[in-house]
Amino acid sequence: VPADFEKKANEVSKGKLTLSKEPVKINNGFLLLYDGIDINCTFDS
C-alpha cells in the first residue's frame, strides 16, 4: 500500500477512515468496516 493511501482515501471519503494494519482473508479490494455495517468492496463481490 502506498504511504499516502489513507490520506487520499480520506480526501475522497464522505467520513473519516483509518487503514487497518490487521489483514483479512480476501483476494483483492478491501472491506469498509463501520460500526455494525460492513461494505464489501472486493472485486469478487
PDB file of all heavy atoms in Angstrom:
ATOM      1  N   VAL A   1       0.841  -1.200   0.000  1.00  0.00           N
ATOM      2  CA  VAL A   1       0.000   0.000   0.000  1.00  0.00           C
ATOM      3  C   VAL A   1       0.883   1.259   0.000  1.00  0.00           C
ATOM      4  O   VAL A   1       1.867   1.336   0.738  1.00  0.00           O
ATOM      5  CB  VAL A   1      -0.999  -0.002   1.188  1.00  0.00           C
ATOM      6  CG1 VAL A   1      -0.303   0.165   2.517  1.00  0.00           C
ATOM      7  CG2 VAL A   1      -2.061   1.067   1.014  1.00  0.00           C
ATOM      8  N   PRO A   2       0.559   2.237  -0.833  1.00  0.00           N
ATOM      9  CA  PRO A   2       1.341   3.483  -0.851  1.00  0.00           C
ATOM     10  C   PRO A   2       1.218   4.222   0.488  1.00  0.00           C
ATOM     11  O   PRO A   2       0.182   4.144   1.167  1.00  0.00           O
ATOM     12  CB  PRO A   2       0.710   4.309  -1.973  1.00  0.00           C
ATOM     13  CG  PRO A   2      -0.087   3.345  -2.793  1.00  0.00           C
ATOM     14  CD  PRO A   2      -0.473   2.232  -1.875  1.00  0.00           C
ATOM     15  N   ALA A   3       2.232   4.950   0.845  1.00  0.00           N
ATOM     16  CA  ALA A   3       2.261   5.656   2.131  1.00  0.00           C
ATOM     17  C   ALA A   3       1.134   6.678   2.244  1.00  0.00           C
ATOM     18  O   ALA A   3       0.604   6.913   3.339  1.00  0.00           O
ATOM     19  CB  ALA A   3       3.618   6.331   2.312  1.00  0.00           C
ATOM     20  N   ASP A   4       0.729   7.253   1.126  1.00  0.00           N
ATOM     21  CA  ASP A   4      -0.310   8.297   1.174  1.00  0.00           C
ATOM     22  C   ASP A   4      -1.725   7.760   0.900  1.00  0.00           C
ATOM     23  O   ASP A   4      -2.653   8.535   0.691  1.00  0.00           O
ATOM     24  CB  ASP A   4       0.042   9.415   0.202  1.00  0.00           C
ATOM     25  CG  ASP A   4       0.079   8.952  -1.245  1.00  0.00           C
ATOM     26  OD1 ASP A   4       0.108   7.713  -1.491  1.00  0.00           O
ATOM     27  OD2 ASP A   4       0.075   9.823  -2.138  1.00  0.00           O
ATOM     28  N   PHE A   5      -1.896   6.446   0.906  1.00  0.00           N
ATOM     29  CA  PHE A   5      -3.199   5.866   0.569  1.00  0.00           C
ATOM     30  C   PHE A   5      -4.287   6.329   1.537  1.00  0.00           C
ATOM     31  O   PHE A   5      -5.374   6.735   1.118  1.00  0.00           O
ATOM     32  CB  PHE A   5      -3.128   4.330   0.548  1.00  0.00           C
ATOM     33  CG  PHE A   5      -4.448   3.690   0.211  1.00  0.00           C
ATOM     34  CD1 PHE A   5      -4.886   3.623  -1.105  1.00  0.00           C
ATOM     35  CD2 PHE A   5      -5.281   3.179   1.209  1.00  0.00           C
ATOM     36  CE1 PHE A   5      -6.115   3.055  -1.427  1.00  0.00           C
ATOM     37  CE2 PHE A   5      -6.505   2.610   0.894  1.00  0.00           C
ATOM     38  CZ  PHE A   5      -6.915   2.553  -0.436  1.00  0.00           C
ATOM     39  N   GLU A   6      -4.003   6.264   2.849  1.00  0.00           N
ATOM     40  CA  GLU A   6      -5.016   6.658   3.853  1.00  0.00           C
ATOM     41  C   GLU A   6      -5.395   8.121   3.667  1.00  0.00           C
ATOM     42  O   GLU A   6      -6.576   8.476   3.740  1.00  0.00           O
ATOM     43  CB  GLU A   6      -4.485   6.395   5.267  1.00  0.00           C
ATOM     44  CG  GLU A   6      -5.540   6.626   6.343  1.00  0.00           C
ATOM     45  CD  GLU A   6      -5.037   6.226   7.726  1.00  0.00           C
ATOM     46  OE1 GLU A   6      -4.158   5.355   7.864  1.00  0.00           O
ATOM     47  OE2 GLU A   6      -5.560   6.809   8.694  1.00  0.00           O
ATOM     48  N   LYS A   7      -4.406   8.978   3.420  1.00  0.00           N
ATOM     49  CA  LYS A   7      -4.669  10.408   3.212  1.00  0.00           C
ATOM     50  C   LYS A   7      -5.567  10.612   1.991  1.00  0.00           C
ATOM     51  O   LYS A   7      -6.564  11.331   2.045  1.00  0.00           O
ATOM     52  CB  LYS A   7      -3.341  11.157   3.044  1.00  0.00           C
ATOM     53  CG  LYS A   7      -3.497  12.639   2.794  1.00  0.00           C
ATOM     54  CD  LYS A   7      -2.135  13.291   2.577  1.00  0.00           C
ATOM     55  CE  LYS A   7      -2.350  14.741   2.211  1.00  0.00           C
ATOM     56  NZ  LYS A   7      -1.620  15.185   1.093  1.00  0.00           N
ATOM     57  N   LYS A   8      -5.226   9.941   0.874  1.00  0.00           N
ATOM     58  CA  LYS A   8      -6.028  10.067  -0.353  1.00  0.00           C
ATOM     59  C   LYS A   8      -7.435   9.514  -0.145  1.00  0.00           C
ATOM     60  O   LYS A   8      -8.411  10.076  -0.641  1.00  0.00           O
ATOM     61  CB  LYS A   8      -5.352   9.353  -1.516  1.00  0.00           C
ATOM     62  CG  LYS A   8      -4.158  10.070  -2.067  1.00  0.00           C
ATOM     63  CD  LYS A   8      -3.578   9.328  -3.271  1.00  0.00           C
ATOM     64  CE  LYS A   8      -2.424  10.080  -3.880  1.00  0.00           C
ATOM     65  NZ  LYS A   8      -1.835   9.366  -5.019  1.00  0.00           N
ATOM     66  N   ALA A   9      -7.539   8.416   0.611  1.00  0.00           N
ATOM     67  CA  ALA A   9      -8.852   7.832   0.881  1.00  0.00           C
ATOM     68  C   ALA A   9      -9.717   8.812   1.664  1.00  0.00           C
ATOM     69  O   ALA A   9     -10.907   8.974   1.378  1.00  0.00           O
ATOM     70  CB  ALA A   9      -8.694   6.520   1.635  1.00  0.00           C
ATOM     71  N   ASN A  10      -9.131   9.501   2.631  1.00  0.00           N
ATOM     72  CA  ASN A  10      -9.898  10.463   3.429  1.00  0.00           C
ATOM     73  C   ASN A  10     -10.256  11.717   2.643  1.00  0.00           C
ATOM     74  O   ASN A  10     -11.256  12.367   2.935  1.00  0.00           O
ATOM     75  CB  ASN A  10      -9.138  10.807   4.720  1.00  0.00           C
ATOM     76  CG  ASN A  10      -9.401   9.759   5.790  1.00  0.00           C
ATOM     77  OD1 ASN A  10     -10.545   9.523   6.163  1.00  0.00           O
ATOM     78  ND2 ASN A  10      -8.342   9.114   6.254  1.00  0.00           N
ATOM     79  N   GLU A  11      -9.457  12.034   1.641  1.00  0.00           N
ATOM     80  CA  GLU A  11      -9.781  13.193   0.791  1.00  0.00           C
ATOM     81  C   GLU A  11     -11.044  12.944  -0.024  1.00  0.00           C
ATOM     82  O   GLU A  11     -11.788  13.873  -0.311  1.00  0.00           O
ATOM     83  CB  GLU A  11      -8.605  13.507  -0.142  1.00  0.00           C
ATOM     84  CG  GLU A  11      -7.412  14.112   0.557  1.00  0.00           C
ATOM     85  CD  GLU A  11      -6.197  14.250  -0.362  1.00  0.00           C
ATOM     86  OE1 GLU A  11      -6.278  13.863  -1.563  1.00  0.00           O
ATOM     87  OE2 GLU A  11      -5.154  14.732   0.123  1.00  0.00           O
ATOM     88  N   VAL A  12     -11.292  11.702  -0.407  1.00  0.00           N
ATOM     89  CA  VAL A  12     -12.461  11.394  -1.240  1.00  0.00           C
ATOM     90  C   VAL A  12     -13.610  10.798  -0.429  1.00  0.00           C
ATOM     91  O   VAL A  12     -14.745  10.722  -0.902  1.00  0.00           O
ATOM     92  CB  VAL A  12     -12.104  10.437  -2.399  1.00  0.00           C
ATOM     93  CG1 VAL A  12     -11.091  11.074  -3.320  1.00  0.00           C
ATOM     94  CG2 VAL A  12     -11.631   9.098  -1.902  1.00  0.00           C
ATOM     95  N   SER A  13     -13.334  10.372   0.789  1.00  0.00           N
ATOM     96  CA  SER A  13     -14.341   9.724   1.624  1.00  0.00           C
ATOM     97  C   SER A  13     -15.365  10.734   2.135  1.00  0.00           C
ATOM     98  O   SER A  13     -15.066  11.914   2.331  1.00  0.00           O
ATOM     99  CB  SER A  13     -13.643   9.049   2.817  1.00  0.00           C
ATOM    100  OG  SER A  13     -14.601   8.543   3.712  1.00  0.00           O
ATOM    101  N   LYS A  14     -16.551  10.236   2.382  1.00  0.00           N
ATOM    102  CA  LYS A  14     -17.609  11.070   2.942  1.00  0.00           C
ATOM    103  C   LYS A  14     -17.460  11.206   4.457  1.00  0.00           C
ATOM    104  O   LYS A  14     -18.021  12.087   5.078  1.00  0.00           O
ATOM    105  CB  LYS A  14     -18.968  10.473   2.592  1.00  0.00           C
ATOM    106  CG  LYS A  14     -19.222  10.433   1.104  1.00  0.00           C
ATOM    107  CD  LYS A  14     -20.475   9.628   0.781  1.00  0.00           C
ATOM    108  CE  LYS A  14     -20.583   9.417  -0.699  1.00  0.00           C
ATOM    109  NZ  LYS A  14     -20.327   8.075  -1.123  1.00  0.00           N
ATOM    110  N   GLY A  15     -16.702  10.283   5.073  1.00  0.00           N
ATOM    111  CA  GLY A  15     -16.470  10.297   6.520  1.00  0.00           C
ATOM    112  C   GLY A  15     -14.994  10.051   6.805  1.00  0.00           C
ATOM    113  O   GLY A  15     -14.160  10.046   5.905  1.00  0.00           O
ATOM    114  N   LYS A  16     -14.656   9.826   8.062  1.00  0.00           N
ATOM    115  CA  LYS A  16     -13.260   9.601   8.483  1.00  0.00           C
ATOM    116  C   LYS A  16     -12.958   8.104   8.394  1.00  0.00           C
ATOM    117  O   LYS A  16     -13.678   7.275   8.930  1.00  0.00           O
ATOM    118  CB  LYS A  16     -13.078  10.115   9.924  1.00  0.00           C
ATOM    119  CG  LYS A  16     -11.761   9.799  10.554  1.00  0.00           C
ATOM    120  CD  LYS A  16     -10.745  10.871  10.245  1.00  0.00           C
ATOM    121  CE  LYS A  16      -9.477  10.645  11.062  1.00  0.00           C
ATOM    122  NZ  LYS A  16      -8.374  10.143  10.344  1.00  0.00           N
ATOM    123  N   LEU A  17     -11.826   7.758   7.717  1.00  0.00           N
ATOM    124  CA  LEU A  17     -11.411   6.369   7.574  1.00  0.00           C
ATOM    125  C   LEU A  17      -9.980   6.189   8.064  1.00  0.00           C
ATOM    126  O   LEU A  17      -9.146   7.072   7.893  1.00  0.00           O
ATOM    127  CB  LEU A  17     -11.484   5.933   6.103  1.00  0.00           C
ATOM    128  CG  LEU A  17     -12.870   5.884   5.476  1.00  0.00           C
ATOM    129  CD1 LEU A  17     -12.758   5.621   3.978  1.00  0.00           C
ATOM    130  CD2 LEU A  17     -13.724   4.812   6.126  1.00  0.00           C
ATOM    131  N   THR A  18      -9.723   5.032   8.662  1.00  0.00           N
ATOM    132  CA  THR A  18      -8.350   4.667   9.026  1.00  0.00           C
ATOM    133  C   THR A  18      -8.032   3.341   8.355  1.00  0.00           C
ATOM    134  O   THR A  18      -8.912   2.492   8.175  1.00  0.00           O
ATOM    135  CB  THR A  18      -8.175   4.525  10.559  1.00  0.00           C
ATOM    136  OG1 THR A  18      -9.126   3.589  11.046  1.00  0.00           O
ATOM    137  CG2 THR A  18      -8.355   5.845  11.264  1.00  0.00           C
ATOM    138  N   LEU A  19      -6.776   3.183   7.993  1.00  0.00           N
ATOM    139  CA  LEU A  19      -6.335   1.949   7.350  1.00  0.00           C
ATOM    140  C   LEU A  19      -5.920   0.973   8.436  1.00  0.00           C
ATOM    141  O   LEU A  19      -4.998   1.245   9.206  1.00  0.00           O
ATOM    142  CB  LEU A  19      -5.163   2.236   6.404  1.00  0.00           C
ATOM    143  CG  LEU A  19      -4.596   1.043   5.640  1.00  0.00           C
ATOM    144  CD1 LEU A  19      -5.655   0.402   4.758  1.00  0.00           C
ATOM    145  CD2 LEU A  19      -3.404   1.468   4.805  1.00  0.00           C
ATOM    146  N   SER A  20      -6.609  -0.161   8.497  1.00  0.00           N
ATOM    147  CA  SER A  20      -6.294  -1.190   9.487  1.00  0.00           C
ATOM    148  C   SER A  20      -4.988  -1.877   9.108  1.00  0.00           C
ATOM    149  O   SER A  20      -4.740  -2.157   7.944  1.00  0.00           O
ATOM    150  CB  SER A  20      -7.427  -2.214   9.556  1.00  0.00           C
ATOM    151  OG  SER A  20      -7.058  -3.281  10.403  1.00  0.00           O
ATOM    152  N   LYS A  21      -4.167  -2.158  10.115  1.00  0.00           N
ATOM    153  CA  LYS A  21      -2.904  -2.865   9.885  1.00  0.00           C
ATOM    154  C   LYS A  21      -3.091  -4.374  10.000  1.00  0.00           C
ATOM    155  O   LYS A  21      -2.181  -5.135   9.734  1.00  0.00           O
ATOM    156  CB  LYS A  21      -1.839  -2.406  10.894  1.00  0.00           C
ATOM    157  CG  LYS A  21      -1.580  -0.923  10.884  1.00  0.00           C
ATOM    158  CD  LYS A  21      -1.036  -0.472   9.551  1.00  0.00           C
ATOM    159  CE  LYS A  21      -0.793   1.040   9.569  1.00  0.00           C
ATOM    160  NZ  LYS A  21      -0.767   1.622   8.265  1.00  0.00           N
ATOM    161  N   GLU A  22      -4.286  -4.821  10.375  1.00  0.00           N
ATOM    162  CA  GLU A  22      -4.602  -6.244  10.510  1.00  0.00           C
ATOM    163  C   GLU A  22      -5.177  -6.756   9.178  1.00  0.00           C
ATOM    164  O   GLU A  22      -6.221  -6.281   8.735  1.00  0.00           O
ATOM    165  CB  GLU A  22      -5.628  -6.468  11.620  1.00  0.00           C
ATOM    166  CG  GLU A  22      -5.132  -6.121  13.004  1.00  0.00           C
ATOM    167  CD  GLU A  22      -3.994  -7.024  13.434  1.00  0.00           C
ATOM    168  OE1 GLU A  22      -4.073  -8.249  13.198  1.00  0.00           O
ATOM    169  OE2 GLU A  22      -3.011  -6.498  13.979  1.00  0.00           O
ATOM    170  N   PRO A  23      -4.505  -7.719   8.550  1.00  0.00           N
ATOM    171  CA  PRO A  23      -5.008  -8.232   7.274  1.00  0.00           C
ATOM    172  C   PRO A  23      -6.213  -9.165   7.457  1.00  0.00           C
ATOM    173  O   PRO A  23      -6.403  -9.742   8.522  1.00  0.00           O
ATOM    174  CB  PRO A  23      -3.814  -8.997   6.707  1.00  0.00           C
ATOM    175  CG  PRO A  23      -3.034  -9.424   7.898  1.00  0.00           C
ATOM    176  CD  PRO A  23      -3.237  -8.349   8.938  1.00  0.00           C
ATOM    177  N   VAL A  24      -6.997  -9.275   6.400  1.00  0.00           N
ATOM    178  CA  VAL A  24      -8.129 -10.210   6.366  1.00  0.00           C
ATOM    179  C   VAL A  24      -7.949 -11.129   5.158  1.00  0.00           C
ATOM    180  O   VAL A  24      -7.174 -10.832   4.257  1.00  0.00           O
ATOM    181  CB  VAL A  24      -9.493  -9.485   6.286  1.00  0.00           C
ATOM    182  CG1 VAL A  24      -9.803  -8.748   7.565  1.00  0.00           C
ATOM    183  CG2 VAL A  24      -9.548  -8.552   5.097  1.00  0.00           C
ATOM    184  N   LYS A  25      -8.679 -12.214   5.164  1.00  0.00           N
ATOM    185  CA  LYS A  25      -8.570 -13.178   4.051  1.00  0.00           C
ATOM    186  C   LYS A  25      -9.563 -12.813   2.953  1.00  0.00           C
ATOM    187  O   LYS A  25     -10.708 -13.257   2.957  1.00  0.00           O
ATOM    188  CB  LYS A  25      -8.830 -14.598   4.552  1.00  0.00           C
ATOM    189  CG  LYS A  25      -7.725 -15.137   5.395  1.00  0.00           C
ATOM    190  CD  LYS A  25      -7.910 -16.613   5.643  1.00  0.00           C
ATOM    191  CE  LYS A  25      -6.701 -17.147   6.378  1.00  0.00           C
ATOM    192  NZ  LYS A  25      -6.704 -18.586   6.472  1.00  0.00           N
ATOM    193  N   ILE A  26      -9.107 -11.984   2.067  1.00  0.00           N
ATOM    194  CA  ILE A  26      -9.856 -11.637   0.853  1.00  0.00           C
ATOM    195  C   ILE A  26      -8.861 -11.671  -0.301  1.00  0.00           C
ATOM    196  O   ILE A  26      -7.655 -11.565  -0.082  1.00  0.00           O
ATOM    197  CB  ILE A  26     -10.549 -10.252   0.958  1.00  0.00           C
ATOM    198  CG1 ILE A  26      -9.536  -9.146   1.272  1.00  0.00           C
ATOM    199  CG2 ILE A  26     -11.669 -10.280   1.982  1.00  0.00           C
ATOM    200  CD1 ILE A  26     -10.117  -7.732   1.271  1.00  0.00           C
ATOM    201  N   ASN A  27      -9.349 -11.819  -1.503  1.00  0.00           N
ATOM    202  CA  ASN A  27      -8.448 -11.900  -2.663  1.00  0.00           C
ATOM    203  C   ASN A  27      -7.877 -10.548  -3.051  1.00  0.00           C
ATOM    204  O   ASN A  27      -6.703 -10.415  -3.349  1.00  0.00           O
ATOM    205  CB  ASN A  27      -9.166 -12.507  -3.865  1.00  0.00           C
ATOM    206  CG  ASN A  27      -9.423 -13.979  -3.684  1.00  0.00           C
ATOM    207  OD1 ASN A  27      -8.657 -14.666  -3.027  1.00  0.00           O
ATOM    208  ND2 ASN A  27     -10.505 -14.468  -4.258  1.00  0.00           N
ATOM    209  N   ASN A  28      -8.719  -9.549  -3.095  1.00  0.00           N
ATOM    210  CA  ASN A  28      -8.305  -8.226  -3.546  1.00  0.00           C
ATOM    211  C   ASN A  28      -9.362  -7.224  -3.122  1.00  0.00           C
ATOM    212  O   ASN A  28     -10.380  -7.589  -2.542  1.00  0.00           O
ATOM    213  CB  ASN A  28      -8.110  -8.216  -5.070  1.00  0.00           C
ATOM    214  CG  ASN A  28      -9.265  -8.888  -5.781  1.00  0.00           C
ATOM    215  OD1 ASN A  28     -10.414  -8.662  -5.441  1.00  0.00           O
ATOM    216  ND2 ASN A  28      -8.974  -9.737  -6.752  1.00  0.00           N
ATOM    217  N   GLY A  29      -9.091  -5.952  -3.408  1.00  0.00           N
ATOM    218  CA  GLY A  29     -10.038  -4.935  -2.977  1.00  0.00           C
ATOM    219  C   GLY A  29      -9.910  -4.703  -1.479  1.00  0.00           C
ATOM    220  O   GLY A  29      -8.831  -4.860  -0.908  1.00  0.00           O
ATOM    221  N   PHE A  30     -11.020  -4.374  -0.841  1.00  0.00           N
ATOM    222  CA  PHE A  30     -10.988  -4.092   0.594  1.00  0.00           C
ATOM    223  C   PHE A  30     -12.385  -4.206   1.182  1.00  0.00           C
ATOM    224  O   PHE A  30     -13.379  -4.361   0.457  1.00  0.00           O
ATOM    225  CB  PHE A  30     -10.420  -2.680   0.853  1.00  0.00           C
ATOM    226  CG  PHE A  30     -11.205  -1.588   0.174  1.00  0.00           C
ATOM    227  CD1 PHE A  30     -12.270  -0.960   0.804  1.00  0.00           C
ATOM    228  CD2 PHE A  30     -10.878  -1.183  -1.116  1.00  0.00           C
ATOM    229  CE1 PHE A  30     -12.992   0.037   0.178  1.00  0.00           C
ATOM    230  CE2 PHE A  30     -11.590  -0.180  -1.753  1.00  0.00           C
ATOM    231  CZ  PHE A  30     -12.653   0.434  -1.109  1.00  0.00           C
ATOM    232  N   LEU A  31     -12.440  -4.098   2.488  1.00  0.00           N
ATOM    233  CA  LEU A  31     -13.707  -4.028   3.215  1.00  0.00           C
ATOM    234  C   LEU A  31     -13.747  -2.683   3.914  1.00  0.00           C
ATOM    235  O   LEU A  31     -12.731  -2.219   4.438  1.00  0.00           O
ATOM    236  CB  LEU A  31     -13.813  -5.143   4.258  1.00  0.00           C
ATOM    237  CG  LEU A  31     -13.714  -6.579   3.766  1.00  0.00           C
ATOM    238  CD1 LEU A  31     -13.715  -7.542   4.954  1.00  0.00           C
ATOM    239  CD2 LEU A  31     -14.844  -6.920   2.817  1.00  0.00           C
ATOM    240  N   LEU A  32     -14.896  -2.050   3.917  1.00  0.00           N
ATOM    241  CA  LEU A  32     -15.117  -0.854   4.729  1.00  0.00           C
ATOM    242  C   LEU A  32     -15.903  -1.312   5.949  1.00  0.00           C
ATOM    243  O   LEU A  32     -17.017  -1.830   5.807  1.00  0.00           O
ATOM    244  CB  LEU A  32     -15.902   0.200   3.949  1.00  0.00           C
ATOM    245  CG  LEU A  32     -15.168   0.909   2.824  1.00  0.00           C
ATOM    246  CD1 LEU A  32     -16.122   1.802   2.038  1.00  0.00           C
ATOM    247  CD2 LEU A  32     -14.001   1.728   3.356  1.00  0.00           C
ATOM    248  N   LEU A  33     -15.319  -1.133   7.136  1.00  0.00           N
ATOM    249  CA  LEU A  33     -15.975  -1.572   8.362  1.00  0.00           C
ATOM    250  C   LEU A  33     -16.438  -0.353   9.143  1.00  0.00           C
ATOM    251  O   LEU A  33     -15.625   0.485   9.546  1.00  0.00           O
ATOM    252  CB  LEU A  33     -15.018  -2.418   9.214  1.00  0.00           C
ATOM    253  CG  LEU A  33     -14.399  -3.647   8.543  1.00  0.00           C
ATOM    254  CD1 LEU A  33     -13.480  -4.363   9.519  1.00  0.00           C
ATOM    255  CD2 LEU A  33     -15.472  -4.582   8.036  1.00  0.00           C
ATOM    256  N   TYR A  34     -17.717  -0.277   9.334  1.00  0.00           N
ATOM    257  CA  TYR A  34     -18.307   0.773  10.139  1.00  0.00           C
ATOM    258  C   TYR A  34     -18.945   0.094  11.342  1.00  0.00           C
ATOM    259  O   TYR A  34     -19.077  -1.127  11.379  1.00  0.00           O
ATOM    260  CB  TYR A  34     -19.368   1.544   9.332  1.00  0.00           C
ATOM    261  CG  TYR A  34     -18.785   2.316   8.162  1.00  0.00           C
ATOM    262  CD1 TYR A  34     -18.852   1.818   6.868  1.00  0.00           C
ATOM    263  CD2 TYR A  34     -18.164   3.541   8.358  1.00  0.00           C
ATOM    264  CE1 TYR A  34     -18.328   2.522   5.797  1.00  0.00           C
ATOM    265  CE2 TYR A  34     -17.632   4.253   7.292  1.00  0.00           C
ATOM    266  CZ  TYR A  34     -17.712   3.736   6.020  1.00  0.00           C
ATOM    267  OH  TYR A  34     -17.187   4.445   4.975  1.00  0.00           O
ATOM    268  N   ASP A  35     -19.359   0.855  12.304  1.00  0.00           N
ATOM    269  CA  ASP A  35     -19.976   0.282  13.495  1.00  0.00           C
ATOM    270  C   ASP A  35     -21.262  -0.449  13.108  1.00  0.00           C
ATOM    271  O   ASP A  35     -22.291   0.169  12.872  1.00  0.00           O
ATOM    272  CB  ASP A  35     -20.260   1.398  14.515  1.00  0.00           C
ATOM    273  CG  ASP A  35     -20.694   0.848  15.857  1.00  0.00           C
ATOM    274  OD1 ASP A  35     -20.256  -0.266  16.213  1.00  0.00           O
ATOM    275  OD2 ASP A  35     -21.482   1.525  16.551  1.00  0.00           O
ATOM    276  N   GLY A  36     -21.164  -1.785  12.976  1.00  0.00           N
ATOM    277  CA  GLY A  36     -22.334  -2.593  12.648  1.00  0.00           C
ATOM    278  C   GLY A  36     -22.601  -2.753  11.160  1.00  0.00           C
ATOM    279  O   GLY A  36     -23.514  -3.475  10.765  1.00  0.00           O
ATOM    280  N   ILE A  37     -21.862  -2.070  10.329  1.00  0.00           N
ATOM    281  CA  ILE A  37     -22.077  -2.171   8.880  1.00  0.00           C
ATOM    282  C   ILE A  37     -20.753  -2.485   8.211  1.00  0.00           C
ATOM    283  O   ILE A  37     -19.748  -1.811   8.437  1.00  0.00           O
ATOM    284  CB  ILE A  37     -22.642  -0.855   8.300  1.00  0.00           C
ATOM    285  CG1 ILE A  37     -23.985  -0.514   8.926  1.00  0.00           C
ATOM    286  CG2 ILE A  37     -22.770  -0.955   6.783  1.00  0.00           C
ATOM    287  CD1 ILE A  37     -24.511   0.843   8.534  1.00  0.00           C
ATOM    288  N   ASP A  38     -20.745  -3.516   7.395  1.00  0.00           N
ATOM    289  CA  ASP A  38     -19.571  -3.868   6.596  1.00  0.00           C
ATOM    290  C   ASP A  38     -19.938  -3.711   5.134  1.00  0.00           C
ATOM    291  O   ASP A  38     -20.963  -4.214   4.686  1.00  0.00           O
ATOM    292  CB  ASP A  38     -19.145  -5.321   6.846  1.00  0.00           C
ATOM    293  CG  ASP A  38     -18.722  -5.577   8.280  1.00  0.00           C
ATOM    294  OD1 ASP A  38     -18.541  -4.606   9.030  1.00  0.00           O
ATOM    295  OD2 ASP A  38     -18.568  -6.758   8.639  1.00  0.00           O
ATOM    296  N   ILE A  39     -19.077  -3.011   4.408  1.00  0.00           N
ATOM    297  CA  ILE A  39     -19.296  -2.841   2.975  1.00  0.00           C
ATOM    298  C   ILE A  39     -18.184  -3.593   2.261  1.00  0.00           C
ATOM    299  O   ILE A  39     -17.008  -3.272   2.411  1.00  0.00           O
ATOM    300  CB  ILE A  39     -19.311  -1.360   2.568  1.00  0.00           C
ATOM    301  CG1 ILE A  39     -20.434  -0.640   3.316  1.00  0.00           C
ATOM    302  CG2 ILE A  39     -19.488  -1.228   1.052  1.00  0.00           C
ATOM    303  CD1 ILE A  39     -20.442   0.865   3.122  1.00  0.00           C
ATOM    304  N   ASN A  40     -18.577  -4.600   1.486  1.00  0.00           N
ATOM    305  CA  ASN A  40     -17.626  -5.472   0.812  1.00  0.00           C
ATOM    306  C   ASN A  40     -17.245  -4.859  -0.541  1.00  0.00           C
ATOM    307  O   ASN A  40     -18.045  -4.825  -1.470  1.00  0.00           O
ATOM    308  CB  ASN A  40     -18.237  -6.864   0.614  1.00  0.00           C
ATOM    309  CG  ASN A  40     -17.243  -7.880   0.129  1.00  0.00           C
ATOM    310  OD1 ASN A  40     -16.205  -7.543  -0.417  1.00  0.00           O
ATOM    311  ND2 ASN A  40     -17.577  -9.145   0.313  1.00  0.00           N
ATOM    312  N   CYS A  41     -16.021  -4.389  -0.634  1.00  0.00           N
ATOM    313  CA  CYS A  41     -15.521  -3.793  -1.870  1.00  0.00           C
ATOM    314  C   CYS A  41     -14.450  -4.673  -2.514  1.00  0.00           C
ATOM    315  O   CYS A  41     -13.539  -4.173  -3.174  1.00  0.00           O
ATOM    316  CB  CYS A  41     -14.974  -2.392  -1.594  1.00  0.00           C
ATOM    317  SG  CYS A  41     -16.243  -1.206  -1.112  1.00  0.00           S
ATOM    318  N   THR A  42     -14.574  -5.986  -2.311  1.00  0.00           N
ATOM    319  CA  THR A  42     -13.676  -6.896  -3.022  1.00  0.00           C
ATOM    320  C   THR A  42     -14.156  -6.977  -4.463  1.00  0.00           C
ATOM    321  O   THR A  42     -15.331  -6.770  -4.752  1.00  0.00           O
ATOM    322  CB  THR A  42     -13.682  -8.300  -2.388  1.00  0.00           C
ATOM    323  OG1 THR A  42     -14.995  -8.845  -2.478  1.00  0.00           O
ATOM    324  CG2 THR A  42     -13.214  -8.271  -0.941  1.00  0.00           C
ATOM    325  N   PHE A  43     -13.237  -7.274  -5.363  1.00  0.00           N
ATOM    326  CA  PHE A  43     -13.615  -7.330  -6.774  1.00  0.00           C
ATOM    327  C   PHE A  43     -14.647  -8.428  -7.017  1.00  0.00           C
ATOM    328  O   PHE A  43     -15.578  -8.241  -7.803  1.00  0.00           O
ATOM    329  CB  PHE A  43     -12.392  -7.525  -7.662  1.00  0.00           C
ATOM    330  CG  PHE A  43     -11.406  -6.378  -7.590  1.00  0.00           C
ATOM    331  CD1 PHE A  43     -10.105  -6.553  -7.999  1.00  0.00           C
ATOM    332  CD2 PHE A  43     -11.775  -5.135  -7.128  1.00  0.00           C
ATOM    333  CE1 PHE A  43      -9.190  -5.513  -7.952  1.00  0.00           C
ATOM    334  CE2 PHE A  43     -10.881  -4.086  -7.059  1.00  0.00           C
ATOM    335  CZ  PHE A  43      -9.574  -4.272  -7.474  1.00  0.00           C
ATOM    336  N   ASP A  44     -14.479  -9.558  -6.324  1.00  0.00           N
ATOM    337  CA  ASP A  44     -15.451 -10.650  -6.484  1.00  0.00           C
ATOM    338  C   ASP A  44     -16.853 -10.170  -6.109  1.00  0.00           C
ATOM    339  O   ASP A  44     -17.816 -10.414  -6.834  1.00  0.00           O
ATOM    340  CB  ASP A  44     -15.077 -11.847  -5.595  1.00  0.00           C
ATOM    341  CG  ASP A  44     -13.844 -12.578  -6.104  1.00  0.00           C
ATOM    342  OD1 ASP A  44     -13.539 -12.481  -7.309  1.00  0.00           O
ATOM    343  OD2 ASP A  44     -13.182 -13.249  -5.289  1.00  0.00           O
ATOM    344  N   SER A  45     -16.961  -9.486  -4.987  1.00  0.00           N
ATOM    345  CA  SER A  45     -18.259  -9.002  -4.523  1.00  0.00           C
ATOM    346  C   SER A  45     -18.836  -7.951  -5.469  1.00  0.00           C
ATOM    347  O   SER A  45     -20.028  -7.975  -5.795  1.00  0.00           O
ATOM    348  CB  SER A  45     -18.124  -8.419  -3.119  1.00  0.00           C
ATOM    349  OG  SER A  45     -19.353  -7.870  -2.698  1.00  0.00           O
TER     350      SER A  45
END
